[in-house]
Amino acid sequence: MYESTRITNKNFLEAELSYKIQGAVYNVFNKYGRGLKEQIYQKALEEEFRKSGIPLIQKA
């Protein structure tokens, strides 16, 4: 990828939080892979967010 078009976390307002969220998403993907129902990924991300100290608002 060209350096001029590459998006990095330092371009975000909340760079540290963005980095943590990306890490949580990658961890869940690496653990569960593809093809599962959304609800499984949602619960896994909620757990990963809690472990990482990422603020979370659950939907009703």
N, C-alpha and C. Protein backbone atom coordinates (compact mmCIF):
# COMPACT_ATOMS: atom_id res chain seq x y z
N MET A 1 0.85 -1.18 0.00
CA MET A 1 0.00 0.00 0.00
C MET A 1 0.89 1.23 0.00
N TYR A 2 0.46 2.26 -0.66
CA TYR A 2 1.23 3.50 -0.70
C TYR A 2 1.16 4.21 0.63
N GLU A 3 2.27 4.73 1.06
CA GLU A 3 2.36 5.40 2.36
C GLU A 3 1.40 6.60 2.45
N SER A 4 1.19 7.31 1.36
CA SER A 4 0.34 8.51 1.40
C SER A 4 -1.13 8.18 1.60
N THR A 5 -1.57 6.98 1.23
CA THR A 5 -2.98 6.62 1.37
C THR A 5 -3.23 5.70 2.56
N ARG A 6 -2.18 5.34 3.26
CA ARG A 6 -2.31 4.41 4.37
C ARG A 6 -2.91 5.12 5.58
N ILE A 7 -3.90 4.49 6.18
CA ILE A 7 -4.54 5.05 7.38
C ILE A 7 -3.86 4.42 8.59
N THR A 8 -3.45 5.26 9.51
CA THR A 8 -2.84 4.77 10.74
C THR A 8 -3.63 5.29 11.93
N ASN A 9 -3.41 4.68 13.06
CA ASN A 9 -4.13 5.09 14.27
C ASN A 9 -3.83 6.53 14.67
N LYS A 10 -2.67 7.05 14.30
CA LYS A 10 -2.35 8.41 14.71
C LYS A 10 -3.21 9.45 14.00
N ASN A 11 -3.96 9.04 12.95
CA ASN A 11 -4.87 9.94 12.26
C ASN A 11 -6.20 10.09 13.01
N PHE A 12 -6.45 9.22 13.98
CA PHE A 12 -7.72 9.24 14.71
C PHE A 12 -7.67 10.15 15.92
N LEU A 13 -8.82 10.66 16.31
CA LEU A 13 -8.89 11.50 17.50
C LEU A 13 -8.56 10.71 18.75
N GLU A 14 -9.04 9.49 18.83
CA GLU A 14 -8.81 8.61 19.97
C GLU A 14 -7.90 7.47 19.55
N ALA A 15 -6.65 7.78 19.28
CA ALA A 15 -5.71 6.81 18.71
C ALA A 15 -5.52 5.59 19.61
N GLU A 16 -5.34 5.81 20.89
CA GLU A 16 -5.12 4.68 21.81
C GLU A 16 -6.35 3.78 21.88
N LEU A 17 -7.53 4.38 21.98
CA LEU A 17 -8.76 3.60 22.02
C LEU A 17 -8.96 2.84 20.71
N SER A 18 -8.69 3.48 19.59
CA SER A 18 -8.81 2.82 18.29
C SER A 18 -7.89 1.61 18.21
N TYR A 19 -6.68 1.76 18.72
CA TYR A 19 -5.72 0.67 18.72
C TYR A 19 -6.23 -0.50 19.56
N LYS A 20 -6.80 -0.20 20.73
CA LYS A 20 -7.34 -1.25 21.59
C LYS A 20 -8.51 -1.97 20.93
N ILE A 21 -9.39 -1.21 20.28
CA ILE A 21 -10.56 -1.81 19.62
C ILE A 21 -10.10 -2.72 18.48
N GLN A 22 -9.15 -2.26 17.69
CA GLN A 22 -8.63 -3.10 16.60
C GLN A 22 -8.04 -4.39 17.15
N GLY A 23 -7.30 -4.29 18.23
CA GLY A 23 -6.71 -5.47 18.85
C GLY A 23 -7.77 -6.45 19.31
N ALA A 24 -8.84 -5.93 19.92
CA ALA A 24 -9.93 -6.79 20.38
C ALA A 24 -10.60 -7.50 19.21
N VAL A 25 -10.82 -6.77 18.13
CA VAL A 25 -11.46 -7.37 16.94
C VAL A 25 -10.57 -8.46 16.37
N TYR A 26 -9.28 -8.19 16.26
CA TYR A 26 -8.35 -9.20 15.74
C TYR A 26 -8.30 -10.43 16.64
N ASN A 27 -8.30 -10.22 17.95
CA ASN A 27 -8.29 -11.36 18.88
C ASN A 27 -9.50 -12.25 18.70
N VAL A 28 -10.67 -11.63 18.57
CA VAL A 28 -11.90 -12.40 18.38
C VAL A 28 -11.86 -13.13 17.04
N PHE A 29 -11.43 -12.45 16.00
CA PHE A 29 -11.36 -13.09 14.68
C PHE A 29 -10.38 -14.27 14.70
N ASN A 30 -9.23 -14.07 15.33
CA ASN A 30 -8.25 -15.16 15.39
C ASN A 30 -8.75 -16.34 16.20
N LYS A 31 -9.56 -16.08 17.20
CA LYS A 31 -10.08 -17.15 18.04
C LYS A 31 -11.23 -17.91 17.37
N TYR A 32 -12.14 -17.18 16.70
CA TYR A 32 -13.35 -17.80 16.17
C TYR A 32 -13.38 -17.95 14.66
N GLY A 33 -12.58 -17.18 13.95
CA GLY A 33 -12.58 -17.29 12.49
C GLY A 33 -13.85 -16.71 11.88
N ARG A 34 -14.19 -17.22 10.70
CA ARG A 34 -15.35 -16.70 9.95
C ARG A 34 -16.54 -17.64 10.04
N GLY A 35 -17.70 -17.09 9.65
CA GLY A 35 -18.87 -17.92 9.41
C GLY A 35 -19.80 -18.16 10.57
N LEU A 36 -19.56 -17.55 11.72
CA LEU A 36 -20.45 -17.75 12.86
C LEU A 36 -21.53 -16.68 12.86
N LYS A 37 -22.52 -16.89 13.69
CA LYS A 37 -23.61 -15.91 13.79
C LYS A 37 -23.12 -14.66 14.50
N GLU A 38 -23.75 -13.55 14.15
CA GLU A 38 -23.37 -12.24 14.70
C GLU A 38 -23.40 -12.24 16.22
N GLN A 39 -24.37 -12.91 16.80
CA GLN A 39 -24.53 -12.93 18.25
C GLN A 39 -23.29 -13.51 18.94
N ILE A 40 -22.67 -14.50 18.33
CA ILE A 40 -21.47 -15.10 18.91
C ILE A 40 -20.33 -14.09 18.91
N TYR A 41 -20.15 -13.39 17.80
CA TYR A 41 -19.11 -12.37 17.72
C TYR A 41 -19.39 -11.23 18.68
N GLN A 42 -20.64 -10.86 18.82
CA GLN A 42 -21.01 -9.77 19.73
C GLN A 42 -20.63 -10.12 21.16
N LYS A 43 -20.98 -11.31 21.60
CA LYS A 43 -20.64 -11.71 22.97
C LYS A 43 -19.13 -11.81 23.17
N ALA A 44 -18.45 -12.34 22.17
CA ALA A 44 -16.99 -12.45 22.26
C ALA A 44 -16.34 -11.07 22.32
N LEU A 45 -16.84 -10.12 21.52
CA LEU A 45 -16.28 -8.76 21.54
C LEU A 45 -16.58 -8.07 22.88
N GLU A 46 -17.76 -8.28 23.42
CA GLU A 46 -18.09 -7.71 24.71
C GLU A 46 -17.10 -8.20 25.77
N GLU A 47 -16.82 -9.49 25.76
CA GLU A 47 -15.87 -10.07 26.71
C GLU A 47 -14.46 -9.51 26.49
N GLU A 48 -14.06 -9.42 25.25
CA GLU A 48 -12.73 -8.90 24.92
C GLU A 48 -12.61 -7.43 25.31
N PHE A 49 -13.67 -6.65 25.09
CA PHE A 49 -13.66 -5.24 25.48
C PHE A 49 -13.49 -5.11 27.00
N ARG A 50 -14.21 -5.92 27.74
CA ARG A 50 -14.10 -5.86 29.20
C ARG A 50 -12.68 -6.20 29.65
N LYS A 51 -12.10 -7.25 29.06
CA LYS A 51 -10.73 -7.64 29.42
C LYS A 51 -9.73 -6.55 29.10
N SER A 52 -9.99 -5.79 28.03
CA SER A 52 -9.07 -4.75 27.59
C SER A 52 -9.35 -3.39 28.22
N GLY A 53 -10.41 -3.31 29.03
CA GLY A 53 -10.75 -2.04 29.67
C GLY A 53 -11.38 -1.03 28.72
N ILE A 54 -12.02 -1.52 27.66
CA ILE A 54 -12.67 -0.64 26.68
C ILE A 54 -14.10 -0.38 27.15
N PRO A 55 -14.51 0.88 27.26
CA PRO A 55 -15.88 1.19 27.68
C PRO A 55 -16.89 0.58 26.71
N LEU A 56 -17.98 0.08 27.27
CA LEU A 56 -18.96 -0.63 26.47
C LEU A 56 -20.37 -0.27 26.91
N ILE A 57 -21.21 0.04 25.94
CA ILE A 57 -22.63 0.23 26.21
C ILE A 57 -23.37 -0.88 25.48
N GLN A 58 -24.04 -1.74 26.23
CA GLN A 58 -24.74 -2.86 25.61
C GLN A 58 -26.08 -2.41 25.08
N LYS A 59 -26.45 -2.99 23.94
CA LYS A 59 -27.77 -2.66 23.39
C LYS A 59 -28.83 -3.43 24.16
N ALA A 60 -29.99 -2.85 24.22
CA ALA A 60 -31.08 -3.43 25.01
C ALA A 60 -31.65 -4.68 24.41
